[in-house]
C-alpha atoms as a PDB file:
ATOM      1  CA  UNK A   1     135.915   6.827  13.761  1.00  0.00           C
ATOM      2  CA  UNK A   2     137.402   3.905  15.467  1.00  0.00           C
ATOM      3  CA  UNK A   3     136.159   0.514  14.494  1.00  0.00           C
ATOM      4  CA  UNK A   4     134.449  -1.970  16.764  1.00  0.00           C
ATOM      5  CA  UNK A   5     136.719  -4.497  18.078  1.00  0.00           C
ATOM      6  CA  UNK A   6     134.516  -7.709  18.596  1.00  0.00           C
ATOM      7  CA  UNK A   7     137.315  -9.555  20.274  1.00  0.00           C
ATOM      8  CA  UNK A   8     137.696  -6.786  22.956  1.00  0.00           C
ATOM      9  CA  UNK A   9     141.226  -6.065  21.828  1.00  0.00           C
ATOM     10  CA  UNK A  10     142.352  -2.394  22.390  1.00  0.00           C
ATOM     11  CA  UNK A  11     141.747  -0.119  19.681  1.00  0.00           C
ATOM     12  CA  UNK A  12     144.768   1.516  18.097  1.00  0.00           C
ATOM     13  CA  UNK A  13     144.281   5.223  18.186  1.00  0.00           C
ATOM     14  CA  UNK A  14     145.986   7.727  15.830  1.00  0.00           C
ATOM     15  CA  UNK A  15     148.397  10.201  17.390  1.00  0.00           C
ATOM     16  CA  UNK A  16     146.999  13.157  15.637  1.00  0.00           C
ATOM     17  CA  UNK A  17     144.958  15.520  17.685  1.00  0.00           C
ATOM     18  CA  UNK A  18     142.062  17.520  16.104  1.00  0.00           C
ATOM     19  CA  UNK A  19     143.291  21.164  16.403  1.00  0.00           C
ATOM     20  CA  UNK A  20     142.793  24.646  15.075  1.00  0.00           C
ATOM     21  CA  UNK A  21     139.863  25.218  12.739  1.00  0.00           C
ATOM     22  CA  UNK A  22     139.013  21.471  12.522  1.00  0.00           C
ATOM     23  CA  UNK A  23     138.584  21.141  16.328  1.00  0.00           C
ATOM     24  CA  UNK A  24     135.300  19.540  17.180  1.00  0.00           C
ATOM     25  CA  UNK A  25     132.879  21.125  19.599  1.00  0.00           C
ATOM     26  CA  UNK A  26     133.114  18.994  22.762  1.00  0.00           C
ATOM     27  CA  UNK A  27     130.846  19.010  25.849  1.00  0.00           C
ATOM     28  CA  UNK A  28     132.186  17.367  28.999  1.00  0.00           C
ATOM     29  CA  UNK A  29     129.764  15.973  31.699  1.00  0.00           C
ATOM     30  CA  UNK A  30     131.865  16.743  34.689  1.00  0.00           C
ATOM     31  CA  UNK A  31     132.271  16.239  38.414  1.00  0.00           C
ATOM     32  CA  UNK A  32     135.152  17.853  40.254  1.00  0.00           C
ATOM     33  CA  UNK A  33     138.956  16.811  40.401  1.00  0.00           C
ATOM     34  CA  UNK A  34     139.097  14.114  37.807  1.00  0.00           C
ATOM     35  CA  UNK A  35     137.072  16.273  35.255  1.00  0.00           C
ATOM     36  CA  UNK A  36     139.137  19.341  35.982  1.00  0.00           C
ATOM     37  CA  UNK A  37     142.320  17.350  35.176  1.00  0.00           C
ATOM     38  CA  UNK A  38     140.742  15.881  31.994  1.00  0.00           C
ATOM     39  CA  UNK A  39     139.520  19.399  31.003  1.00  0.00           C
ATOM     40  CA  UNK A  40     143.022  20.605  31.378  1.00  0.00           C
ATOM     41  CA  UNK A  41     144.315  17.968  28.922  1.00  0.00           C
ATOM     42  CA  UNK A  42     141.462  18.733  26.589  1.00  0.00           C
ATOM     43  CA  UNK A  43     142.310  22.471  26.642  1.00  0.00           C
ATOM     44  CA  UNK A  44     145.783  21.519  25.446  1.00  0.00           C
ATOM     45  CA  UNK A  45     144.602  19.196  22.811  1.00  0.00           C
ATOM     46  CA  UNK A  46     142.044  21.372  21.059  1.00  0.00           C
ATOM     47  CA  UNK A  47     140.801  24.961  20.692  1.00  0.00           C
ATOM     48  CA  UNK A  48     139.558  25.616  24.242  1.00  0.00           C
ATOM     49  CA  UNK A  49     136.805  27.916  23.029  1.00  0.00           C
ATOM     50  CA  UNK A  50     135.213  24.767  21.585  1.00  0.00           C
ATOM     51  CA  UNK A  51     134.904  23.108  24.991  1.00  0.00           C
ATOM     52  CA  UNK A  52     131.898  23.271  27.318  1.00  0.00           C
ATOM     53  CA  UNK A  53     131.597  21.662  30.705  1.00  0.00           C
ATOM     54  CA  UNK A  54     128.330  20.775  32.189  1.00  0.00           C
ATOM     55  CA  UNK A  55     128.997  20.522  35.837  1.00  0.00           C
ATOM     56  CA  UNK A  56     127.641  18.634  38.736  1.00  0.00           C
ATOM     57  CA  UNK A  57     125.914  20.882  41.374  1.00  0.00           C
ATOM     58  CA  UNK A  58     124.550  18.137  43.594  1.00  0.00           C
ATOM     59  CA  UNK A  59     127.652  18.747  45.789  1.00  0.00           C
ATOM     60  CA  UNK A  60     126.642  22.385  46.425  1.00  0.00           C
ATOM     61  CA  UNK A  61     125.929  23.526  49.783  1.00  0.00           C
ATOM     62  CA  UNK A  62     125.336  26.578  52.066  1.00  0.00           C
ATOM     63  CA  UNK A  63     127.692  27.218  54.917  1.00  0.00           C
ATOM     64  CA  UNK A  64     128.105  30.256  56.984  1.00  0.00           C
ATOM     65  CA  UNK A  65     125.302  31.821  54.736  1.00  0.00           C
ATOM     66  CA  UNK A  66     127.549  31.353  51.639  1.00  0.00           C
ATOM     67  CA  UNK A  67     126.484  29.559  48.610  1.00  0.00           C
ATOM     68  CA  UNK A  68     129.365  27.140  47.693  1.00  0.00           C
ATOM     69  CA  UNK A  69     129.796  25.148  44.618  1.00  0.00           C
ATOM     70  CA  UNK A  70     132.739  22.763  45.008  1.00  0.00           C
ATOM     71  CA  UNK A  71     132.895  21.099  41.476  1.00  0.00           C
ATOM     72  CA  UNK A  72     132.461  24.360  39.732  1.00  0.00           C
ATOM     73  CA  UNK A  73     135.162  25.891  41.752  1.00  0.00           C
ATOM     74  CA  UNK A  74     137.520  23.054  41.565  1.00  0.00           C
ATOM     75  CA  UNK A  75     137.373  23.256  37.783  1.00  0.00           C
ATOM     76  CA  UNK A  76     137.671  26.943  37.685  1.00  0.00           C
ATOM     77  CA  UNK A  77     140.796  26.991  39.922  1.00  0.00           C
ATOM     78  CA  UNK A  78     142.466  24.016  38.157  1.00  0.00           C
ATOM     79  CA  UNK A  79     142.130  25.594  34.600  1.00  0.00           C
ATOM     80  CA  UNK A  80     143.298  29.070  35.923  1.00  0.00           C
ATOM     81  CA  UNK A  81     146.382  27.128  37.113  1.00  0.00           C
ATOM     82  CA  UNK A  82     146.008  28.265  40.784  1.00  0.00           C
ATOM     83  CA  UNK A  83     145.104  24.920  42.513  1.00  0.00           C
ATOM     84  CA  UNK A  84     147.034  23.910  45.414  1.00  0.00           C
ATOM     85  CA  UNK A  85     149.363  21.180  44.089  1.00  0.00           C
ATOM     86  CA  UNK A  86     149.684  19.260  47.360  1.00  0.00           C
ATOM     87  CA  UNK A  87     146.062  19.098  48.332  1.00  0.00           C
ATOM     88  CA  UNK A  88     144.833  18.854  44.800  1.00  0.00           C
ATOM     89  CA  UNK A  89     141.962  21.412  45.545  1.00  0.00           C
ATOM     90  CA  UNK A  90     141.587  24.811  46.746  1.00  0.00           C
ATOM     91  CA  UNK A  91     143.929  27.716  46.095  1.00  0.00           C
ATOM     92  CA  UNK A  92     147.761  27.655  46.217  1.00  0.00           C
ATOM     93  CA  UNK A  93     149.312  29.807  48.915  1.00  0.00           C
ATOM     94  CA  UNK A  94     145.852  29.710  50.849  1.00  0.00           C
ATOM     95  CA  UNK A  95     145.609  31.199  54.249  1.00  0.00           C
ATOM     96  CA  UNK A  96     143.005  30.135  56.955  1.00  0.00           C
ATOM     97  CA  UNK A  97     142.725  33.143  59.191  1.00  0.00           C
ATOM     98  CA  UNK A  98     138.851  33.371  58.941  1.00  0.00           C
ATOM     99  CA  UNK A  99     138.464  29.767  59.803  1.00  0.00           C
ATOM    100  CA  UNK A 100     140.884  29.912  62.622  1.00  0.00           C
ATOM    101  CA  UNK A 101     139.148  33.072  64.087  1.00  0.00           C
ATOM    102  CA  UNK A 102     135.853  31.000  64.401  1.00  0.00           C
ATOM    103  CA  UNK A 103     137.423  28.903  67.082  1.00  0.00           C
ATOM    104  CA  UNK A 104     136.467  31.790  69.649  1.00  0.00           C
ATOM    105  CA  UNK A 105     132.802  31.225  69.150  1.00  0.00           C
ATOM    106  CA  UNK A 106     132.709  27.379  69.544  1.00  0.00           C
ATOM    107  CA  UNK A 107     132.365  27.499  73.328  1.00  0.00           C
ATOM    108  CA  UNK A 108     129.449  29.827  73.097  1.00  0.00           C
ATOM    109  CA  UNK A 109     127.443  28.018  70.202  1.00  0.00           C
ATOM    110  CA  UNK A 110     124.165  26.583  71.295  1.00  0.00           C
ATOM    111  CA  UNK A 111     123.560  22.873  70.924  1.00  0.00           C
ATOM    112  CA  UNK A 112     122.190  22.008  67.388  1.00  0.00           C
ATOM    113  CA  UNK A 113     123.448  25.310  65.829  1.00  0.00           C
ATOM    114  CA  UNK A 114     125.516  25.063  62.688  1.00  0.00           C
ATOM    115  CA  UNK A 115     127.172  28.454  63.368  1.00  0.00           C
ATOM    116  CA  UNK A 116     131.051  28.749  63.288  1.00  0.00           C
ATOM    117  CA  UNK A 117     131.333  25.054  62.107  1.00  0.00           C
ATOM    118  CA  UNK A 118     134.956  24.392  60.911  1.00  0.00           C
ATOM    119  CA  UNK A 119     134.708  20.865  59.547  1.00  0.00           C
ATOM    120  CA  UNK A 120     134.456  22.332  56.057  1.00  0.00           C
ATOM    121  CA  UNK A 121     137.411  24.539  55.687  1.00  0.00           C
ATOM    122  CA  UNK A 122     137.164  27.730  53.610  1.00  0.00           C
ATOM    123  CA  UNK A 123     140.263  29.487  52.791  1.00  0.00           C
ATOM    124  CA  UNK A 124     140.683  33.221  53.006  1.00  0.00           C
ATOM    125  CA  UNK A 125     141.160  33.637  49.124  1.00  0.00           C
ATOM    126  CA  UNK A 126     138.471  31.150  48.590  1.00  0.00           C
ATOM    127  CA  UNK A 127     135.902  32.943  50.539  1.00  0.00           C
ATOM    128  CA  UNK A 128     136.074  35.868  47.957  1.00  0.00           C
ATOM    129  CA  UNK A 129     134.515  33.481  45.222  1.00  0.00           C
ATOM    130  CA  UNK A 130     131.752  32.406  47.668  1.00  0.00           C
ATOM    131  CA  UNK A 131     131.062  36.055  48.757  1.00  0.00           C
ATOM    132  CA  UNK A 132     130.759  36.989  45.089  1.00  0.00           C
ATOM    133  CA  UNK A 133     128.465  34.056  44.225  1.00  0.00           C
ATOM    134  CA  UNK A 134     126.199  34.664  47.250  1.00  0.00           C
ATOM    135  CA  UNK A 135     125.762  38.238  46.624  1.00  0.00           C
ATOM    136  CA  UNK A 136     124.867  37.859  42.899  1.00  0.00           C
ATOM    137  CA  UNK A 137     122.423  35.111  43.604  1.00  0.00           C
ATOM    138  CA  UNK A 138     120.706  37.339  46.266  1.00  0.00           C
ATOM    139  CA  UNK A 139     120.367  39.967  43.701  1.00  0.00           C
ATOM    140  CA  UNK A 140     118.523  37.574  41.452  1.00  0.00           C
ATOM    141  CA  UNK A 141     121.085  36.378  39.031  1.00  0.00           C
ATOM    142  CA  UNK A 142     120.958  32.754  38.081  1.00  0.00           C
ATOM    143  CA  UNK A 143     123.713  30.235  39.016  1.00  0.00           C
ATOM    144  CA  UNK A 144     124.517  30.093  35.143  1.00  0.00           C
ATOM    145  CA  UNK A 145     124.950  33.872  35.008  1.00  0.00           C
ATOM    146  CA  UNK A 146     127.179  33.905  38.104  1.00  0.00           C
ATOM    147  CA  UNK A 147     129.221  31.101  36.919  1.00  0.00           C
ATOM    148  CA  UNK A 148     129.770  32.822  33.557  1.00  0.00           C
ATOM    149  CA  UNK A 149     130.989  35.960  35.468  1.00  0.00           C
ATOM    150  CA  UNK A 150     133.293  34.002  37.618  1.00  0.00           C
ATOM    151  CA  UNK A 151     134.756  32.256  34.634  1.00  0.00           C
ATOM    152  CA  UNK A 152     135.347  35.586  32.897  1.00  0.00           C
ATOM    153  CA  UNK A 153     137.019  36.956  36.051  1.00  0.00           C
ATOM    154  CA  UNK A 154     139.540  33.986  36.016  1.00  0.00           C
ATOM    155  CA  UNK A 155     140.050  34.359  32.240  1.00  0.00           C
ATOM    156  CA  UNK A 156     138.894  30.955  31.213  1.00  0.00           C
ATOM    157  CA  UNK A 157     138.218  30.235  27.474  1.00  0.00           C
ATOM    158  CA  UNK A 158     136.465  26.914  28.453  1.00  0.00           C
ATOM    159  CA  UNK A 159     132.664  27.549  29.036  1.00  0.00           C
ATOM    160  CA  UNK A 160     131.516  26.271  32.358  1.00  0.00           C
ATOM    161  CA  UNK A 161     127.723  25.522  32.911  1.00  0.00           C
ATOM    162  CA  UNK A 162     126.090  24.320  36.166  1.00  0.00           C
ATOM    163  CA  UNK A 163     123.786  21.435  35.361  1.00  0.00           C
ATOM    164  CA  UNK A 164     120.794  23.292  36.829  1.00  0.00           C
ATOM    165  CA  UNK A 165     119.935  26.782  38.241  1.00  0.00           C
ATOM    166  CA  UNK A 166     117.788  25.032  40.719  1.00  0.00           C
ATOM    167  CA  UNK A 167     118.824  23.246  43.907  1.00  0.00           C
ATOM    168  CA  UNK A 168     119.338  19.439  43.375  1.00  0.00           C
ATOM    169  CA  UNK A 169     120.989  17.998  46.521  1.00  0.00           C
ATOM    170  CA  UNK A 170     122.911  14.717  46.757  1.00  0.00           C
ATOM    171  CA  UNK A 171     121.785  12.809  49.865  1.00  0.00           C
ATOM    172  CA  UNK A 172     123.887   9.764  51.073  1.00  0.00           C
ATOM    173  CA  UNK A 173     122.104   7.288  53.267  1.00  0.00           C
ATOM    174  CA  UNK A 174     124.802   5.721  55.737  1.00  0.00           C
ATOM    175  CA  UNK A 175     124.533   2.725  57.966  1.00  0.00           C
ATOM    176  CA  UNK A 176     125.282   4.536  61.070  1.00  0.00           C
ATOM    177  CA  UNK A 177     124.466   8.167  60.425  1.00  0.00           C
ATOM    178  CA  UNK A 178     121.331   7.928  58.500  1.00  0.00           C
ATOM    179  CA  UNK A 179     120.671  10.502  55.601  1.00  0.00           C
ATOM    180  CA  UNK A 180     123.399  13.144  55.288  1.00  0.00           C
ATOM    181  CA  UNK A 181     124.299  15.662  52.668  1.00  0.00           C
ATOM    182  CA  UNK A 182     127.030  14.879  50.285  1.00  0.00           C
ATOM    183  CA  UNK A 183     129.506  17.386  51.949  1.00  0.00           C
ATOM    184  CA  UNK A 184     128.663  15.764  55.350  1.00  0.00           C
ATOM    185  CA  UNK A 185     129.629  12.354  53.971  1.00  0.00           C
ATOM    186  CA  UNK A 186     132.590  13.359  52.055  1.00  0.00           C
ATOM    187  CA  UNK A 187     134.227  15.947  54.249  1.00  0.00           C
ATOM    188  CA  UNK A 188     132.790  15.788  57.848  1.00  0.00           C
ATOM    189  CA  UNK A 189     132.676  11.992  57.878  1.00  0.00           C
ATOM    190  CA  UNK A 190     135.659  11.686  55.534  1.00  0.00           C
ATOM    191  CA  UNK A 191     133.814   9.155  53.417  1.00  0.00           C
ATOM    192  CA  UNK A 192     134.847   6.584  56.031  1.00  0.00           C
ATOM    193  CA  UNK A 193     131.232   5.298  56.616  1.00  0.00           C
ATOM    194  CA  UNK A 194     129.225   2.527  54.915  1.00  0.00           C
ATOM    195  CA  UNK A 195     126.903   3.831  52.278  1.00  0.00           C
ATOM    196  CA  UNK A 196     123.442   2.021  51.651  1.00  0.00           C
ATOM    197  CA  UNK A 197     121.874   4.462  49.262  1.00  0.00           C
ATOM    198  CA  UNK A 198     122.218   7.585  47.240  1.00  0.00           C
ATOM    199  CA  UNK A 199     119.321   9.914  46.093  1.00  0.00           C
ATOM    200  CA  UNK A 200     118.878  13.343  44.664  1.00  0.00           C
ATOM    201  CA  UNK A 201     116.584  15.719  46.150  1.00  0.00           C
ATOM    202  CA  UNK A 202     114.824  18.776  44.856  1.00  0.00           C
ATOM    203  CA  UNK A 203     112.740  19.539  41.728  1.00  0.00           C
ATOM    204  CA  UNK A 204     115.615  20.713  39.661  1.00  0.00           C
ATOM    205  CA  UNK A 205     115.727  21.109  35.733  1.00  0.00           C
ATOM    206  CA  UNK A 206     118.555  20.939  33.280  1.00  0.00           C
ATOM    207  CA  UNK A 207     119.162  24.480  32.135  1.00  0.00           C
ATOM    208  CA  UNK A 208     118.584  25.320  28.611  1.00  0.00           C
ATOM    209  CA  UNK A 209     122.244  26.235  28.154  1.00  0.00           C
ATOM    210  CA  UNK A 210     123.246  22.826  29.330  1.00  0.00           C
ATOM    211  CA  UNK A 211     120.736  21.241  27.215  1.00  0.00           C
ATOM    212  CA  UNK A 212     121.940  22.915  24.169  1.00  0.00           C
ATOM    213  CA  UNK A 213     125.478  22.036  25.017  1.00  0.00           C
ATOM    214  CA  UNK A 214     124.677  18.370  25.160  1.00  0.00           C
ATOM    215  CA  UNK A 215     122.485  18.370  22.024  1.00  0.00           C
ATOM    216  CA  UNK A 216     124.772  20.670  19.782  1.00  0.00           C
ATOM    217  CA  UNK A 217     128.301  19.407  20.437  1.00  0.00           C
ATOM    218  CA  UNK A 218     130.037  17.260  17.996  1.00  0.00           C
ATOM    219  CA  UNK A 219     131.281  14.776  20.894  1.00  0.00           C
ATOM    220  CA  UNK A 220     130.043  14.519  24.399  1.00  0.00           C
ATOM    221  CA  UNK A 221     132.590  13.079  26.931  1.00  0.00           C
ATOM    222  CA  UNK A 222     131.740  11.583  30.325  1.00  0.00           C
ATOM    223  CA  UNK A 223     134.745  12.625  32.391  1.00  0.00           C
ATOM    224  CA  UNK A 224     136.565  10.304  34.895  1.00  0.00           C
ATOM    225  CA  UNK A 225     134.391  11.379  37.753  1.00  0.00           C
ATOM    226  CA  UNK A 226     132.407   9.225  40.328  1.00  0.00           C
ATOM    227  CA  UNK A 227     129.565   7.679  38.363  1.00  0.00           C
ATOM    228  CA  UNK A 228     127.243   7.587  41.321  1.00  0.00           C
ATOM    229  CA  UNK A 229     127.715  11.068  43.091  1.00  0.00           C
ATOM    230  CA  UNK A 230     129.228  13.267  40.310  1.00  0.00           C
ATOM    231  CA  UNK A 231     127.812  12.060  37.030  1.00  0.00           C
ATOM    232  CA  UNK A 232     124.518  10.616  38.417  1.00  0.00           C
ATOM    233  CA  UNK A 233     123.163  13.822  39.675  1.00  0.00           C
ATOM    234  CA  UNK A 234     123.459  15.305  36.122  1.00  0.00           C
ATOM    235  CA  UNK A 235     121.870  12.124  34.712  1.00  0.00           C
ATOM    236  CA  UNK A 236     118.928  12.273  37.238  1.00  0.00           C
ATOM    237  CA  UNK A 237     117.638  15.564  35.635  1.00  0.00           C
ATOM    238  CA  UNK A 238     114.647  14.883  33.554  1.00  0.00           C
ATOM    239  CA  UNK A 239     115.587  14.026  29.848  1.00  0.00           C
ATOM    240  CA  UNK A 240     119.372  13.895  30.352  1.00  0.00           C
ATOM    241  CA  UNK A 241     119.707   9.960  29.678  1.00  0.00           C
ATOM    242  CA  UNK A 242     117.231  10.214  26.739  1.00  0.00           C
ATOM    243  CA  UNK A 243     119.245  13.057  25.280  1.00  0.00           C
ATOM    244  CA  UNK A 244     122.524  11.186  25.612  1.00  0.00           C
ATOM    245  CA  UNK A 245     121.038   7.825  24.564  1.00  0.00           C
ATOM    246  CA  UNK A 246     119.672   9.475  21.312  1.00  0.00           C
ATOM    247  CA  UNK A 247     123.240  10.494  20.417  1.00  0.00           C
ATOM    248  CA  UNK A 248     125.061   7.593  21.884  1.00  0.00           C
ATOM    249  CA  UNK A 249     127.402   6.958  18.904  1.00  0.00           C
ATOM    250  CA  UNK A 250     129.053  10.352  19.670  1.00  0.00           C
ATOM    251  CA  UNK A 251     129.336   9.890  23.466  1.00  0.00           C
ATOM    252  CA  UNK A 252     132.480   8.461  25.155  1.00  0.00           C
ATOM    253  CA  UNK A 253     133.206   7.873  28.744  1.00  0.00           C
ATOM    254  CA  UNK A 254     136.499   7.772  30.660  1.00  0.00           C
ATOM    255  CA  UNK A 255     136.718   5.366  33.457  1.00  0.00           C
ATOM    256  CA  UNK A 256     137.390   6.742  36.856  1.00  0.00           C
ATOM    257  CA  UNK A 257     138.273   3.183  38.036  1.00  0.00           C
ATOM    258  CA  UNK A 258     141.883   1.917  37.395  1.00  0.00           C
ATOM    259  CA  UNK A 259     142.851  -1.519  38.521  1.00  0.00           C
ATOM    260  CA  UNK A 260     139.643  -1.750  40.629  1.00  0.00           C
ATOM    261  CA  UNK A 261     140.496   1.479  42.624  1.00  0.00           C
ATOM    262  CA  UNK A 262     139.531   5.104  42.376  1.00  0.00           C
ATOM    263  CA  UNK A 263     142.379   7.387  41.788  1.00  0.00           C
ATOM    264  CA  UNK A 264     140.764   9.982  44.242  1.00  0.00           C
ATOM    265  CA  UNK A 265     137.827   9.772  46.469  1.00  0.00           C
ATOM    266  CA  UNK A 266     135.291   6.942  47.397  1.00  0.00           C
ATOM    267  CA  UNK A 267     133.983   5.749  43.959  1.00  0.00           C
ATOM    268  CA  UNK A 268     135.230   2.259  44.170  1.00  0.00           C
ATOM    269  CA  UNK A 269     133.950   1.820  47.754  1.00  0.00           C
ATOM    270  CA  UNK A 270     130.460   3.312  46.856  1.00  0.00           C
ATOM    271  CA  UNK A 271     130.338   1.051  43.824  1.00  0.00           C
ATOM    272  CA  UNK A 272     130.776  -2.104  45.885  1.00  0.00           C
ATOM    273  CA  UNK A 273     128.540  -0.848  48.711  1.00  0.00           C
ATOM    274  CA  UNK A 274     125.651  -0.049  46.458  1.00  0.00           C
ATOM    275  CA  UNK A 275     125.776  -3.334  44.685  1.00  0.00           C
ATOM    276  CA  UNK A 276     127.978  -2.512  41.571  1.00  0.00           C
ATOM    277  CA  UNK A 277     131.206  -3.990  40.493  1.00  0.00           C
ATOM    278  CA  UNK A 278     134.167  -1.775  41.386  1.00  0.00           C
ATOM    279  CA  UNK A 279     135.847  -2.206  38.089  1.00  0.00           C
ATOM    280  CA  UNK A 280     135.878  -0.889  34.395  1.00  0.00           C
ATOM    281  CA  UNK A 281     133.240  -3.567  33.705  1.00  0.00           C
ATOM    282  CA  UNK A 282     131.108  -1.997  36.383  1.00  0.00           C
ATOM    283  CA  UNK A 283     131.546   1.418  34.927  1.00  0.00           C
ATOM    284  CA  UNK A 284     130.778  -0.007  31.475  1.00  0.00           C
ATOM    285  CA  UNK A 285     127.448  -1.339  32.818  1.00  0.00           C
ATOM    286  CA  UNK A 286     126.599   1.974  34.167  1.00  0.00           C
ATOM    287  CA  UNK A 287     127.308   3.888  30.960  1.00  0.00           C
ATOM    288  CA  UNK A 288     126.424   1.377  28.167  1.00  0.00           C
ATOM    289  CA  UNK A 289     123.089   2.836  27.477  1.00  0.00           C
ATOM    290  CA  UNK A 290     124.341   6.357  26.977  1.00  0.00           C
ATOM    291  CA  UNK A 291     128.039   6.126  25.577  1.00  0.00           C
ATOM    292  CA  UNK A 292     129.444   4.001  22.705  1.00  0.00           C
ATOM    293  CA  UNK A 293     132.922   3.761  23.987  1.00  0.00           C
ATOM    294  CA  UNK A 294     134.764   3.431  27.331  1.00  0.00           C
ATOM    295  CA  UNK A 295     138.368   4.566  27.775  1.00  0.00           C
ATOM    296  CA  UNK A 296     140.405   2.477  30.221  1.00  0.00           C
ATOM    297  CA  UNK A 297     144.018   2.357  31.451  1.00  0.00           C
ATOM    298  CA  UNK A 298     146.375  -0.421  30.129  1.00  0.00           C
ATOM    299  CA  UNK A 299     146.308  -2.038  33.749  1.00  0.00           C
ATOM    300  CA  UNK A 300     142.760  -3.069  32.828  1.00  0.00           C
ATOM    301  CA  UNK A 301     143.366  -4.171  29.230  1.00  0.00           C
ATOM    302  CA  UNK A 302     142.644  -7.792  30.165  1.00  0.00           C
ATOM    303  CA  UNK A 303     138.866  -6.678  30.804  1.00  0.00           C
ATOM    304  CA  UNK A 304     138.398  -5.396  27.315  1.00  0.00           C
ATOM    305  CA  UNK A 305     136.408  -8.401  26.235  1.00  0.00           C
ATOM    306  CA  UNK A 306     134.078  -7.926  29.079  1.00  0.00           C
ATOM    307  CA  UNK A 307     133.538  -4.331  28.198  1.00  0.00           C
ATOM    308  CA  UNK A 308     132.615  -5.130  24.629  1.00  0.00           C
ATOM    309  CA  UNK A 309     130.185  -7.713  26.007  1.00  0.00           C
ATOM    310  CA  UNK A 310     128.395  -4.799  27.539  1.00  0.00           C
ATOM    311  CA  UNK A 311     127.977  -3.265  24.099  1.00  0.00           C
ATOM    312  CA  UNK A 312     130.686  -0.769  24.216  1.00  0.00           C
ATOM    313  CA  UNK A 313     133.912  -0.229  22.403  1.00  0.00           C
ATOM    314  CA  UNK A 314     136.981  -0.401  24.516  1.00  0.00           C
ATOM    315  CA  UNK A 315     139.708   1.990  24.072  1.00  0.00           C
ATOM    316  CA  UNK A 316     143.006   1.439  26.024  1.00  0.00           C
ATOM    317  CA  UNK A 317     145.247   4.185  26.774  1.00  0.00           C
ATOM    318  CA  UNK A 318     147.115   5.579  29.907  1.00  0.00           C
ATOM    319  CA  UNK A 319     144.587   7.378  31.844  1.00  0.00           C
ATOM    320  CA  UNK A 320     146.338   8.267  35.158  1.00  0.00           C
ATOM    321  CA  UNK A 321     146.875  12.028  34.476  1.00  0.00           C
ATOM    322  CA  UNK A 322     150.145  12.490  36.353  1.00  0.00           C
ATOM    323  CA  UNK A 323     151.478  15.026  33.970  1.00  0.00           C
ATOM    324  CA  UNK A 324     149.947  17.503  31.461  1.00  0.00           C
ATOM    325  CA  UNK A 325     151.267  15.453  28.569  1.00  0.00           C
ATOM    326  CA  UNK A 326     149.493  12.424  29.756  1.00  0.00           C
ATOM    327  CA  UNK A 327     146.331  14.323  30.357  1.00  0.00           C
ATOM    328  CA  UNK A 328     146.634  15.926  26.709  1.00  0.00           C
ATOM    329  CA  UNK A 329     147.112  12.473  25.080  1.00  0.00           C
ATOM    330  CA  UNK A 330     144.294  11.046  27.178  1.00  0.00           C
ATOM    331  CA  UNK A 331     141.928  13.756  25.932  1.00  0.00           C
ATOM    332  CA  UNK A 332     143.050  13.447  22.375  1.00  0.00           C
ATOM    333  CA  UNK A 333     142.677   9.671  22.423  1.00  0.00           C
ATOM    334  CA  UNK A 334     139.270   9.978  23.893  1.00  0.00           C
ATOM    335  CA  UNK A 335     137.932  12.438  21.251  1.00  0.00           C
ATOM    336  CA  UNK A 336     139.494  10.133  18.446  1.00  0.00           C
ATOM    337  CA  UNK A 337     137.286   7.368  19.756  1.00  0.00           C
ATOM    338  CA  UNK A 338     134.344   9.030  18.010  1.00  0.00           C
ATOM    339  CA  UNK A 339     135.685  11.853  15.923  1.00  0.00           C
ATOM    340  CA  UNK A 340     135.476  11.626  12.142  1.00  0.00           C
END
């Protein structure tokens, strides 16, 4: 266990990683791309069968009649090693024949119809995942059951759990477009609009499997995902914050903000627009009640005292996961922040 640094100086972390039979059980509270990269590093640092990810489904949507779970699929494809390295999402060597063929119908689409929309691209290989998920849900399977089947199809040793089997939709209120779904905000509007509020809609509950994963793990990690639209949907489910707060000493968060900017996506802009500080200190304020430590990049080391002032231990280590080695070291250091 690392010791508290009252002066806010970075905690020196041992280089040994817990491996083999001594690997702790770890549950990662996860969004999409940042969480996927962290999970890849964690898989290399400890026994992957000891890892569970509880994944945001507030981004889930239905398009062309298909049930789409972007964060679950991003993690699946990343861990399977088939993510497109250029785009950072979707499948490598993807083709877009089906989406291209929809152009034929745009001229005949009635006003107000959502048929044949192409602002959310679905690759031909990616469609197979959505076909399978949609068909199994229609047969009465839960999203948890379907996710386990998709995980097995891709041969993943890490367990992936949706936060809920119910629909819990992230709604973004914008200055110029009113209320829109998260995918409308993120993809159609390219998150290039002013955000005035975020809320989560739908009477969803944390699944029993996800609850057990959060209660029983030796360590809970909050992944470097957007605190407001990737982690907050999970926290919005009844009892989650109480559960994490009760075991706060074994919960550690990794900041998605480095040098005042998000490495990917609109996290920094959203923090500012919604009245938070777009810095590691702002992240600390959001997580202080549920996590004992915050992992930050060396570029933000000068803010260590301010993080400690929020009641959190500050761990400084390279957190820009530009290589598998850095991702592995980040994961190991994160675990060492709370691992005995």
